[in-house]
Amino acid sequence: MRAFINTQDWITAHHLPSYAPGLNPVEGTWSILRRTTQANIAFTDPEHLNRLLRLGLRQIQYRSHLIDGCSPEPDSHSRHHDYKLSNHARGR
Protein backbone atom coordinates (compact mmCIF):
# COMPACT_ATOMS: atom_id res chain seq x y z
CA MET A 1 0.00 0.00 0.00
CA ARG A 2 2.79 2.40 0.91
CA ALA A 3 4.51 1.82 -2.46
CA PHE A 4 1.28 2.60 -4.29
CA ILE A 5 0.67 5.76 -2.26
CA ASN A 6 4.23 6.94 -2.90
CA THR A 7 3.69 6.69 -6.67
CA GLN A 8 0.49 8.75 -6.63
CA ASP A 9 1.03 12.50 -6.36
CA TRP A 10 -2.66 13.15 -5.70
CA ILE A 11 -2.76 11.04 -2.50
CA THR A 12 -1.71 12.43 0.85
CA ALA A 13 -1.58 9.74 3.54
CA HIS A 14 -1.39 10.41 7.24
CA HIS A 15 -0.40 7.68 9.66
CA LEU A 16 -2.85 7.39 12.55
CA PRO A 17 -1.92 5.35 15.62
CA SER A 18 -3.99 2.26 16.31
CA TYR A 19 -4.53 3.31 19.91
CA ALA A 20 -4.51 7.00 20.79
CA PRO A 21 -6.51 7.84 23.89
CA GLY A 22 -5.18 11.39 23.75
CA LEU A 23 -6.82 11.83 20.34
CA ASN A 24 -9.88 9.69 21.00
CA PRO A 25 -11.26 9.87 24.56
CA VAL A 26 -13.65 6.97 23.96
CA GLU A 27 -10.59 4.68 24.07
CA GLY A 28 -10.49 5.24 27.84
CA THR A 29 -14.13 4.22 28.17
CA TRP A 30 -13.53 1.02 26.20
CA SER A 31 -10.49 0.33 28.35
CA ILE A 32 -12.62 0.55 31.51
CA LEU A 33 -15.27 -1.73 30.00
CA ARG A 34 -12.68 -4.31 28.91
CA ARG A 35 -11.32 -4.45 32.47
CA THR A 36 -14.72 -4.61 34.17
CA THR A 37 -18.01 -5.83 32.69
CA GLN A 38 -16.36 -7.31 29.59
CA ALA A 39 -13.46 -9.06 31.35
CA ASN A 40 -13.27 -12.86 31.40
CA ILE A 41 -16.78 -13.35 30.07
CA ALA A 42 -17.91 -15.92 27.53
CA PHE A 43 -21.01 -14.26 26.13
CA THR A 44 -23.84 -16.65 25.44
CA ASP A 45 -25.28 -14.62 22.57
CA PRO A 46 -25.19 -11.09 21.12
CA GLU A 47 -27.97 -9.99 23.47
CA HIS A 48 -25.87 -11.04 26.49
CA LEU A 49 -22.98 -8.90 25.18
CA ASN A 50 -25.34 -5.98 24.51
CA ARG A 51 -26.91 -6.24 27.96
CA LEU A 52 -23.56 -6.16 29.76
CA LEU A 53 -22.24 -3.33 27.57
CA ARG A 54 -25.26 -1.22 28.41
CA LEU A 55 -24.97 -2.05 32.09
CA GLY A 56 -21.26 -1.22 32.14
CA LEU A 57 -21.82 2.07 30.32
CA ARG A 58 -24.62 2.95 32.72
CA GLN A 59 -22.36 2.31 35.71
CA ILE A 60 -19.59 4.45 34.21
CA GLN A 61 -22.08 7.22 33.39
CA TYR A 62 -22.87 7.79 37.05
CA ARG A 63 -19.22 7.92 38.10
CA SER A 64 -18.05 11.23 36.66
CA HIS A 65 -14.52 10.72 37.96
CA LEU A 66 -14.17 7.75 35.58
CA ILE A 67 -15.33 9.81 32.61
CA ASP A 68 -12.97 12.62 33.62
CA GLY A 69 -10.17 10.06 33.65
CA CYS A 70 -10.86 9.29 29.99
CA SER A 71 -10.35 12.86 28.82
CA PRO A 72 -7.18 13.71 26.88
CA GLU A 73 -5.65 15.67 29.79
CA PRO A 74 -7.07 14.30 33.02
CA ASP A 75 -6.03 15.68 36.36
CA SER A 76 -3.34 13.58 38.00
CA HIS A 77 -5.57 11.52 40.31
CA SER A 78 -8.52 10.73 37.98
CA ARG A 79 -7.08 7.60 36.40
CA HIS A 80 -6.31 5.99 39.74
CA HIS A 81 -9.86 5.63 41.02
CA ASP A 82 -11.29 2.18 41.60
CA TYR A 83 -12.64 0.74 38.34
CA LYS A 84 -14.21 -2.28 39.98
CA LEU A 85 -17.86 -2.67 39.08
CA SER A 86 -20.31 -4.91 40.83
CA ASN A 87 -20.20 -8.66 40.27
CA HIS A 88 -23.83 -8.38 39.18
CA ALA A 89 -22.68 -6.29 36.22
CA ARG A 90 -20.38 -9.06 35.12
CA GLY A 91 -23.19 -11.62 35.09
CA ARG A 92 -22.14 -13.38 38.28
PDB file of N, CA and C in Angstrom:
ATOM      1  N   MET A   1       0.819  -1.172   0.000  1.00  0.00           N
ATOM      2  CA  MET A   1       0.000   0.000   0.000  1.00  0.00           C
ATOM      3  C   MET A   1       0.873   1.251   0.000  1.00  0.00           C
ATOM      4  N   ARG A   2       1.910   1.234   0.825  1.00  0.00           N
ATOM      5  CA  ARG A   2       2.794   2.401   0.906  1.00  0.00           C
ATOM      6  C   ARG A   2       3.454   2.681  -0.446  1.00  0.00           C
ATOM      7  N   ALA A   3       3.881   1.632  -1.144  1.00  0.00           N
ATOM      8  CA  ALA A   3       4.508   1.821  -2.456  1.00  0.00           C
ATOM      9  C   ALA A   3       3.526   2.468  -3.431  1.00  0.00           C
ATOM     10  N   PHE A   4       2.295   2.018  -3.418  1.00  0.00           N
ATOM     11  CA  PHE A   4       1.278   2.599  -4.289  1.00  0.00           C
ATOM     12  C   PHE A   4       1.056   4.073  -3.954  1.00  0.00           C
ATOM     13  N   ILE A   5       0.904   4.378  -2.682  1.00  0.00           N
ATOM     14  CA  ILE A   5       0.669   5.763  -2.255  1.00  0.00           C
ATOM     15  C   ILE A   5       1.835   6.655  -2.680  1.00  0.00           C
ATOM     16  N   ASN A   6       3.047   6.144  -2.540  1.00  0.00           N
ATOM     17  CA  ASN A   6       4.226   6.939  -2.901  1.00  0.00           C
ATOM     18  C   ASN A   6       4.290   7.250  -4.392  1.00  0.00           C
ATOM     19  N   THR A   7       3.667   6.445  -5.223  1.00  0.00           N
ATOM     20  CA  THR A   7       3.694   6.692  -6.668  1.00  0.00           C
ATOM     21  C   THR A   7       2.549   7.582  -7.140  1.00  0.00           C
ATOM     22  N   GLN A   8       1.648   7.927  -6.258  1.00  0.00           N
ATOM     23  CA  GLN A   8       0.493   8.752  -6.625  1.00  0.00           C
ATOM     24  C   GLN A   8       0.645  10.150  -6.028  1.00  0.00           C
ATOM     25  N   ASP A   9       0.831  11.150  -6.893  1.00  0.00           N
ATOM     26  CA  ASP A   9       1.035  12.500  -6.365  1.00  0.00           C
ATOM     27  C   ASP A   9      -0.252  13.139  -5.838  1.00  0.00           C
ATOM     28  N   TRP A  10      -1.394  12.585  -6.154  1.00  0.00           N
ATOM     29  CA  TRP A  10      -2.664  13.154  -5.700  1.00  0.00           C
ATOM     30  C   TRP A  10      -3.120  12.607  -4.342  1.00  0.00           C
ATOM     31  N   ILE A  11      -2.393  11.635  -3.789  1.00  0.00           N
ATOM     32  CA  ILE A  11      -2.759  11.045  -2.498  1.00  0.00           C
ATOM     33  C   ILE A  11      -1.843  11.594  -1.409  1.00  0.00           C
ATOM     34  N   THR A  12      -2.456  12.042  -0.343  1.00  0.00           N
ATOM     35  CA  THR A  12      -1.708  12.425   0.850  1.00  0.00           C
ATOM     36  C   THR A  12      -2.155  11.488   1.964  1.00  0.00           C
ATOM     37  N   ALA A  13      -1.248  10.699   2.485  1.00  0.00           N
ATOM     38  CA  ALA A  13      -1.578   9.737   3.536  1.00  0.00           C
ATOM     39  C   ALA A  13      -1.013  10.220   4.864  1.00  0.00           C
ATOM     40  N   HIS A  14      -1.816  10.061   5.891  1.00  0.00           N
ATOM     41  CA  HIS A  14      -1.394  10.410   7.240  1.00  0.00           C
ATOM     42  C   HIS A  14      -1.492   9.167   8.103  1.00  0.00           C
ATOM     43  N   HIS A  15      -0.405   8.831   8.764  1.00  0.00           N
ATOM     44  CA  HIS A  15      -0.396   7.684   9.665  1.00  0.00           C
ATOM     45  C   HIS A  15      -1.151   8.039  10.939  1.00  0.00           C
ATOM     46  N   LEU A  16      -2.123   7.215  11.298  1.00  0.00           N
ATOM     47  CA  LEU A  16      -2.854   7.390  12.547  1.00  0.00           C
ATOM     48  C   LEU A  16      -2.527   6.207  13.452  1.00  0.00           C
ATOM     49  N   PRO A  17      -2.242   6.452  14.705  1.00  0.00           N
ATOM     50  CA  PRO A  17      -1.922   5.351  15.620  1.00  0.00           C
ATOM     51  C   PRO A  17      -3.145   4.461  15.845  1.00  0.00           C
ATOM     52  N   SER A  18      -2.887   3.200  16.083  1.00  0.00           N
ATOM     53  CA  SER A  18      -3.991   2.259  16.305  1.00  0.00           C
ATOM     54  C   SER A  18      -4.680   2.502  17.637  1.00  0.00           C
ATOM     55  N   TYR A  19      -3.955   3.028  18.604  1.00  0.00           N
ATOM     56  CA  TYR A  19      -4.531   3.314  19.910  1.00  0.00           C
ATOM     57  C   TYR A  19      -4.022   4.672  20.343  1.00  0.00           C
ATOM     58  N   ALA A  20      -4.923   5.645  20.434  1.00  0.00           N
ATOM     59  CA  ALA A  20      -4.512   7.001  20.786  1.00  0.00           C
ATOM     60  C   ALA A  20      -5.546   7.633  21.708  1.00  0.00           C
ATOM     61  N   PRO A  21      -5.515   7.275  22.985  1.00  0.00           N
ATOM     62  CA  PRO A  21      -6.513   7.840  23.894  1.00  0.00           C
ATOM     63  C   PRO A  21      -6.442   9.358  23.997  1.00  0.00           C
ATOM     64  N   GLY A  22      -5.289   9.944  23.734  1.00  0.00           N
ATOM     65  CA  GLY A  22      -5.185  11.390  23.745  1.00  0.00           C
ATOM     66  C   GLY A  22      -5.940  12.042  22.601  1.00  0.00           C
ATOM     67  N   LEU A  23      -6.085  11.318  21.484  1.00  0.00           N
ATOM     68  CA  LEU A  23      -6.820  11.831  20.336  1.00  0.00           C
ATOM     69  C   LEU A  23      -8.271  11.370  20.332  1.00  0.00           C
ATOM     70  N   ASN A  24      -8.550  10.279  21.011  1.00  0.00           N
ATOM     71  CA  ASN A  24      -9.882   9.692  21.002  1.00  0.00           C
ATOM     72  C   ASN A  24     -10.272   9.283  22.419  1.00  0.00           C
ATOM     73  N   PRO A  25     -10.937  10.156  23.148  1.00  0.00           N
ATOM     74  CA  PRO A  25     -11.256   9.874  24.557  1.00  0.00           C
ATOM     75  C   PRO A  25     -12.097   8.615  24.778  1.00  0.00           C
ATOM     76  N   VAL A  26     -12.829   8.164  23.768  1.00  0.00           N
ATOM     77  CA  VAL A  26     -13.649   6.966  23.958  1.00  0.00           C
ATOM     78  C   VAL A  26     -12.781   5.731  24.202  1.00  0.00           C
ATOM     79  N   GLU A  27     -11.505   5.789  23.806  1.00  0.00           N
ATOM     80  CA  GLU A  27     -10.592   4.676  24.074  1.00  0.00           C
ATOM     81  C   GLU A  27     -10.506   4.384  25.570  1.00  0.00           C
ATOM     82  N   GLY A  28     -10.521   5.428  26.387  1.00  0.00           N
ATOM     83  CA  GLY A  28     -10.487   5.244  27.837  1.00  0.00           C
ATOM     84  C   GLY A  28     -11.725   4.541  28.356  1.00  0.00           C
ATOM     85  N   THR A  29     -12.875   4.873  27.777  1.00  0.00           N
ATOM     86  CA  THR A  29     -14.129   4.221  28.173  1.00  0.00           C
ATOM     87  C   THR A  29     -14.088   2.748  27.814  1.00  0.00           C
ATOM     88  N   TRP A  30     -13.628   2.430  26.598  1.00  0.00           N
ATOM     89  CA  TRP A  30     -13.534   1.015  26.203  1.00  0.00           C
ATOM     90  C   TRP A  30     -12.535   0.279  27.089  1.00  0.00           C
ATOM     91  N   SER A  31     -11.479   0.950  27.475  1.00  0.00           N
ATOM     92  CA  SER A  31     -10.492   0.326  28.354  1.00  0.00           C
ATOM     93  C   SER A  31     -11.132  -0.049  29.693  1.00  0.00           C
ATOM     94  N   ILE A  32     -11.928   0.852  30.247  1.00  0.00           N
ATOM     95  CA  ILE A  32     -12.620   0.554  31.512  1.00  0.00           C
ATOM     96  C   ILE A  32     -13.562  -0.631  31.326  1.00  0.00           C
ATOM     97  N   LEU A  33     -14.331  -0.634  30.250  1.00  0.00           N
ATOM     98  CA  LEU A  33     -15.275  -1.735  30.001  1.00  0.00           C
ATOM     99  C   LEU A  33     -14.543  -3.068  29.849  1.00  0.00           C
ATOM    100  N   ARG A  34     -13.425  -3.058  29.120  1.00  0.00           N
ATOM    101  CA  ARG A  34     -12.680  -4.310  28.911  1.00  0.00           C
ATOM    102  C   ARG A  34     -12.132  -4.871  30.220  1.00  0.00           C
ATOM    103  N   ARG A  35     -11.851  -3.994  31.185  1.00  0.00           N
ATOM    104  CA  ARG A  35     -11.318  -4.449  32.468  1.00  0.00           C
ATOM    105  C   ARG A  35     -12.400  -4.741  33.496  1.00  0.00           C
ATOM    106  N   THR A  36     -13.654  -4.436  33.179  1.00  0.00           N
ATOM    107  CA  THR A  36     -14.724  -4.609  34.169  1.00  0.00           C
ATOM    108  C   THR A  36     -15.804  -5.542  33.631  1.00  0.00           C
ATOM    109  N   THR A  37     -16.869  -5.002  33.093  1.00  0.00           N
ATOM    110  CA  THR A  37     -18.010  -5.831  32.689  1.00  0.00           C
ATOM    111  C   THR A  37     -17.707  -6.767  31.520  1.00  0.00           C
ATOM    112  N   GLN A  38     -16.685  -6.476  30.745  1.00  0.00           N
ATOM    113  CA  GLN A  38     -16.355  -7.314  29.591  1.00  0.00           C
ATOM    114  C   GLN A  38     -15.204  -8.286  29.859  1.00  0.00           C
ATOM    115  N   ALA A  39     -14.637  -8.244  31.043  1.00  0.00           N
ATOM    116  CA  ALA A  39     -13.456  -9.060  31.354  1.00  0.00           C
ATOM    117  C   ALA A  39     -13.840 -10.500  31.682  1.00  0.00           C
ATOM    118  N   ASN A  40     -13.130 -11.432  31.094  1.00  0.00           N
ATOM    119  CA  ASN A  40     -13.266 -12.859  31.402  1.00  0.00           C
ATOM    120  C   ASN A  40     -14.705 -13.363  31.305  1.00  0.00           C
ATOM    121  N   ILE A  41     -15.388 -12.947  30.273  1.00  0.00           N
ATOM    122  CA  ILE A  41     -16.781 -13.351  30.068  1.00  0.00           C
ATOM    123  C   ILE A  41     -16.886 -14.093  28.744  1.00  0.00           C
ATOM    124  N   ALA A  42     -17.550 -15.226  28.760  1.00  0.00           N
ATOM    125  CA  ALA A  42     -17.914 -15.922  27.532  1.00  0.00           C
ATOM    126  C   ALA A  42     -19.388 -15.595  27.290  1.00  0.00           C
ATOM    127  N   PHE A  43     -19.650 -14.686  26.383  1.00  0.00           N
ATOM    128  CA  PHE A  43     -21.014 -14.255  26.127  1.00  0.00           C
ATOM    129  C   PHE A  43     -21.805 -15.376  25.472  1.00  0.00           C
ATOM    130  N   THR A  44     -23.011 -15.562  25.945  1.00  0.00           N
ATOM    131  CA  THR A  44     -23.843 -16.654  25.438  1.00  0.00           C
ATOM    132  C   THR A  44     -24.461 -16.331  24.098  1.00  0.00           C
ATOM    133  N   ASP A  45     -24.708 -15.060  23.837  1.00  0.00           N
ATOM    134  CA  ASP A  45     -25.284 -14.621  22.566  1.00  0.00           C
ATOM    135  C   ASP A  45     -25.088 -13.106  22.445  1.00  0.00           C
ATOM    136  N   PRO A  46     -25.375 -12.536  21.286  1.00  0.00           N
ATOM    137  CA  PRO A  46     -25.186 -11.090  21.121  1.00  0.00           C
ATOM    138  C   PRO A  46     -25.998 -10.256  22.125  1.00  0.00           C
ATOM    139  N   GLU A  47     -27.157 -10.728  22.503  1.00  0.00           N
ATOM    140  CA  GLU A  47     -27.972  -9.992  23.470  1.00  0.00           C
ATOM    141  C   GLU A  47     -27.289  -9.938  24.843  1.00  0.00           C
ATOM    142  N   HIS A  48     -26.618 -11.011  25.227  1.00  0.00           N
ATOM    143  CA  HIS A  48     -25.874 -11.035  26.486  1.00  0.00           C
ATOM    144  C   HIS A  48     -24.768  -9.980  26.455  1.00  0.00           C
ATOM    145  N   LEU A  49     -24.024  -9.912  25.350  1.00  0.00           N
ATOM    146  CA  LEU A  49     -22.985  -8.896  25.180  1.00  0.00           C
ATOM    147  C   LEU A  49     -23.595  -7.496  25.263  1.00  0.00           C
ATOM    148  N   ASN A  50     -24.678  -7.280  24.531  1.00  0.00           N
ATOM    149  CA  ASN A  50     -25.335  -5.979  24.510  1.00  0.00           C
ATOM    150  C   ASN A  50     -25.819  -5.573  25.905  1.00  0.00           C
ATOM    151  N   ARG A  51     -26.399  -6.511  26.620  1.00  0.00           N
ATOM    152  CA  ARG A  51     -26.915  -6.241  27.958  1.00  0.00           C
ATOM    153  C   ARG A  51     -25.796  -5.806  28.909  1.00  0.00           C
ATOM    154  N   LEU A  52     -24.666  -6.506  28.874  1.00  0.00           N
ATOM    155  CA  LEU A  52     -23.557  -6.157  29.759  1.00  0.00           C
ATOM    156  C   LEU A  52     -22.852  -4.866  29.329  1.00  0.00           C
ATOM    157  N   LEU A  53     -22.792  -4.606  28.028  1.00  0.00           N
ATOM    158  CA  LEU A  53     -22.237  -3.335  27.565  1.00  0.00           C
ATOM    159  C   LEU A  53     -23.069  -2.168  28.086  1.00  0.00           C
ATOM    160  N   ARG A  54     -24.377  -2.288  27.935  1.00  0.00           N
ATOM    161  CA  ARG A  54     -25.262  -1.218  28.408  1.00  0.00           C
ATOM    162  C   ARG A  54     -25.150  -1.036  29.920  1.00  0.00           C
ATOM    163  N   LEU A  55     -25.092  -2.128  30.641  1.00  0.00           N
ATOM    164  CA  LEU A  55     -24.969  -2.045  32.093  1.00  0.00           C
ATOM    165  C   LEU A  55     -23.643  -1.396  32.492  1.00  0.00           C
ATOM    166  N   GLY A  56     -22.564  -1.803  31.844  1.00  0.00           N
ATOM    167  CA  GLY A  56     -21.257  -1.219  32.139  1.00  0.00           C
ATOM    168  C   GLY A  56     -21.215   0.267  31.818  1.00  0.00           C
ATOM    169  N   LEU A  57     -21.776   0.654  30.672  1.00  0.00           N
ATOM    170  CA  LEU A  57     -21.816   2.073  30.317  1.00  0.00           C
ATOM    171  C   LEU A  57     -22.670   2.864  31.301  1.00  0.00           C
ATOM    172  N   ARG A  58     -23.760   2.275  31.740  1.00  0.00           N
ATOM    173  CA  ARG A  58     -24.617   2.949  32.718  1.00  0.00           C
ATOM    174  C   ARG A  58     -23.870   3.163  34.031  1.00  0.00           C
ATOM    175  N   GLN A  59     -23.111   2.166  34.460  1.00  0.00           N
ATOM    176  CA  GLN A  59     -22.356   2.305  35.707  1.00  0.00           C
ATOM    177  C   GLN A  59     -21.264   3.361  35.585  1.00  0.00           C
ATOM    178  N   ILE A  60     -20.617   3.431  34.435  1.00  0.00           N
ATOM    179  CA  ILE A  60     -19.590   4.455  34.206  1.00  0.00           C
ATOM    180  C   ILE A  60     -20.226   5.842  34.168  1.00  0.00           C
ATOM    181  N   GLN A  61     -21.401   5.932  33.560  1.00  0.00           N
ATOM    182  CA  GLN A  61     -22.078   7.218  33.394  1.00  0.00           C
ATOM    183  C   GLN A  61     -22.288   7.933  34.726  1.00  0.00           C
ATOM    184  N   TYR A  62     -22.585   7.190  35.762  1.00  0.00           N
ATOM    185  CA  TYR A  62     -22.872   7.794  37.054  1.00  0.00           C
ATOM    186  C   TYR A  62     -21.631   7.972  37.935  1.00  0.00           C
ATOM    187  N   ARG A  63     -20.474   7.707  37.375  1.00  0.00           N
ATOM    188  CA  ARG A  63     -19.217   7.922  38.095  1.00  0.00           C
ATOM    189  C   ARG A  63     -18.388   8.923  37.292  1.00  0.00           C
ATOM    190  N   SER A  64     -18.672  10.197  37.493  1.00  0.00           N
ATOM    191  CA  SER A  64     -18.052  11.232  36.664  1.00  0.00           C
ATOM    192  C   SER A  64     -16.525  11.209  36.742  1.00  0.00           C
ATOM    193  N   HIS A  65     -15.977  10.768  37.863  1.00  0.00           N
ATOM    194  CA  HIS A  65     -14.518  10.718  37.962  1.00  0.00           C
ATOM    195  C   HIS A  65     -13.924   9.725  36.962  1.00  0.00           C
ATOM    196  N   LEU A  66     -14.664   8.686  36.590  1.00  0.00           N
ATOM    197  CA  LEU A  66     -14.169   7.750  35.577  1.00  0.00           C
ATOM    198  C   LEU A  66     -14.180   8.397  34.202  1.00  0.00           C
ATOM    199  N   ILE A  67     -15.245   9.121  33.900  1.00  0.00           N
ATOM    200  CA  ILE A  67     -15.328   9.807  32.613  1.00  0.00           C
ATOM    201  C   ILE A  67     -14.242  10.872  32.528  1.00  0.00           C
ATOM    202  N   ASP A  68     -14.033  11.612  33.610  1.00  0.00           N
ATOM    203  CA  ASP A  68     -12.970  12.615  33.624  1.00  0.00           C
ATOM    204  C   ASP A  68     -11.618  11.971  33.362  1.00  0.00           C
ATOM    205  N   GLY A  69     -11.432  10.759  33.851  1.00  0.00           N
ATOM    206  CA  GLY A  69     -10.172  10.056  33.652  1.00  0.00           C
ATOM    207  C   GLY A  69      -9.944   9.620  32.219  1.00  0.00           C
ATOM    208  N   CYS A  70     -10.983   9.678  31.397  1.00  0.00           N
ATOM    209  CA  CYS A  70     -10.865   9.289  29.989  1.00  0.00           C
ATOM    210  C   CYS A  70     -10.588  10.477  29.081  1.00  0.00           C
ATOM    211  N   SER A  71     -10.584  11.678  29.637  1.00  0.00           N
ATOM    212  CA  SER A  71     -10.345  12.861  28.818  1.00  0.00           C
ATOM    213  C   SER A  71      -8.872  12.930  28.428  1.00  0.00           C
ATOM    214  N   PRO A  72      -8.561  13.656  27.358  1.00  0.00           N
ATOM    215  CA  PRO A  72      -7.176  13.711  26.884  1.00  0.00           C
ATOM    216  C   PRO A  72      -6.178  14.212  27.921  1.00  0.00           C
ATOM    217  N   GLU A  73      -6.569  15.152  28.774  1.00  0.00           N
ATOM    218  CA  GLU A  73      -5.654  15.674  29.789  1.00  0.00           C
ATOM    219  C   GLU A  73      -6.313  15.610  31.155  1.00  0.00           C
ATOM    220  N   PRO A  74      -6.429  14.412  31.715  1.00  0.00           N
ATOM    221  CA  PRO A  74      -7.072  14.300  33.023  1.00  0.00           C
ATOM    222  C   PRO A  74      -6.195  14.876  34.127  1.00  0.00           C
ATOM    223  N   ASP A  75      -6.843  15.262  35.224  1.00  0.00           N
ATOM    224  CA  ASP A  75      -6.033  15.679  36.360  1.00  0.00           C
ATOM    225  C   ASP A  75      -5.313  14.447  36.901  1.00  0.00           C
ATOM    226  N   SER A  76      -4.276  14.644  37.642  1.00  0.00           N
ATOM    227  CA  SER A  76      -3.340  13.583  37.999  1.00  0.00           C
ATOM    228  C   SER A  76      -3.957  12.419  38.760  1.00  0.00           C
ATOM    229  N   HIS A  77      -5.039  12.616  39.497  1.00  0.00           N
ATOM    230  CA  HIS A  77      -5.568  11.521  40.307  1.00  0.00           C
ATOM    231  C   HIS A  77      -6.754  10.815  39.670  1.00  0.00           C
ATOM    232  N   SER A  78      -7.302  11.305  38.552  1.00  0.00           N
ATOM    233  CA  SER A  78      -8.522  10.732  37.984  1.00  0.00           C
ATOM    234  C   SER A  78      -8.364   9.291  37.545  1.00  0.00           C
ATOM    235  N   ARG A  79      -7.243   8.942  36.933  1.00  0.00           N
ATOM    236  CA  ARG A  79      -7.077   7.596  36.398  1.00  0.00           C
ATOM    237  C   ARG A  79      -6.862   6.537  37.479  1.00  0.00           C
ATOM    238  N   HIS A  80      -6.642   6.951  38.700  1.00  0.00           N
ATOM    239  CA  HIS A  80      -6.305   5.991  39.739  1.00  0.00           C
ATOM    240  C   HIS A  80      -7.479   5.631  40.641  1.00  0.00           C
ATOM    241  N   HIS A  81      -8.686   6.006  40.236  1.00  0.00           N
ATOM    242  CA  HIS A  81      -9.860   5.627  41.020  1.00  0.00           C
ATOM    243  C   HIS A  81     -10.166   4.147  40.807  1.00  0.00           C
ATOM    244  N   ASP A  82     -10.931   3.594  41.672  1.00  0.00           N
ATOM    245  CA  ASP A  82     -11.286   2.185  41.605  1.00  0.00           C
ATOM    246  C   ASP A  82     -12.225   1.936  40.430  1.00  0.00           C
ATOM    247  N   TYR A  83     -11.828   1.059  39.506  1.00  0.00           N
ATOM    248  CA  TYR A  83     -12.637   0.743  38.339  1.00  0.00           C
ATOM    249  C   TYR A  83     -13.519  -0.472  38.570  1.00  0.00           C
ATOM    250  N   LYS A  84     -13.480  -1.050  39.727  1.00  0.00           N
ATOM    251  CA  LYS A  84     -14.212  -2.283  39.983  1.00  0.00           C
ATOM    252  C   LYS A  84     -15.719  -2.015  39.969  1.00  0.00           C
ATOM    253  N   LEU A  85     -16.411  -2.752  39.136  1.00  0.00           N
ATOM    254  CA  LEU A  85     -17.864  -2.666  39.081  1.00  0.00           C
ATOM    255  C   LEU A  85     -18.433  -3.875  39.804  1.00  0.00           C
ATOM    256  N   SER A  86     -19.687  -3.833  40.059  1.00  0.00           N
ATOM    257  CA  SER A  86     -20.312  -4.909  40.829  1.00  0.00           C
ATOM    258  C   SER A  86     -20.217  -6.245  40.105  1.00  0.00           C
ATOM    259  N   ASN A  87     -20.196  -7.327  40.867  1.00  0.00           N
ATOM    260  CA  ASN A  87     -20.197  -8.662  40.274  1.00  0.00           C
ATOM    261  C   ASN A  87     -21.481  -8.898  39.495  1.00  0.00           C
ATOM    262  N   HIS A  88     -22.564  -8.253  39.905  1.00  0.00           N
ATOM    263  CA  HIS A  88     -23.827  -8.384  39.177  1.00  0.00           C
ATOM    264  C   HIS A  88     -23.673  -7.909  37.746  1.00  0.00           C
ATOM    265  N   ALA A  89     -22.896  -6.832  37.553  1.00  0.00           N
ATOM    266  CA  ALA A  89     -22.680  -6.287  36.224  1.00  0.00           C
ATOM    267  C   ALA A  89     -21.951  -7.263  35.322  1.00  0.00           C
ATOM    268  N   ARG A  90     -21.159  -8.120  35.905  1.00  0.00           N
ATOM    269  CA  ARG A  90     -20.380  -9.060  35.117  1.00  0.00           C
ATOM    270  C   ARG A  90     -21.130 -10.363  34.887  1.00  0.00           C
ATOM    271  N   GLY A  91     -22.394 -10.428  35.336  1.00  0.00           N
ATOM    272  CA  GLY A  91     -23.194 -11.617  35.087  1.00  0.00           C
ATOM    273  C   GLY A  91     -22.944 -12.713  36.086  1.00  0.00           C
ATOM    274  N   ARG A  92     -22.440 -12.364  37.264  1.00  0.00           N
ATOM    275  CA  ARG A  92     -22.140 -13.379  38.277  1.00  0.00           C
ATOM    276  C   ARG A  92     -23.138 -13.324  39.399  1.00  0.00           C
TER     277      ARG A  92
END
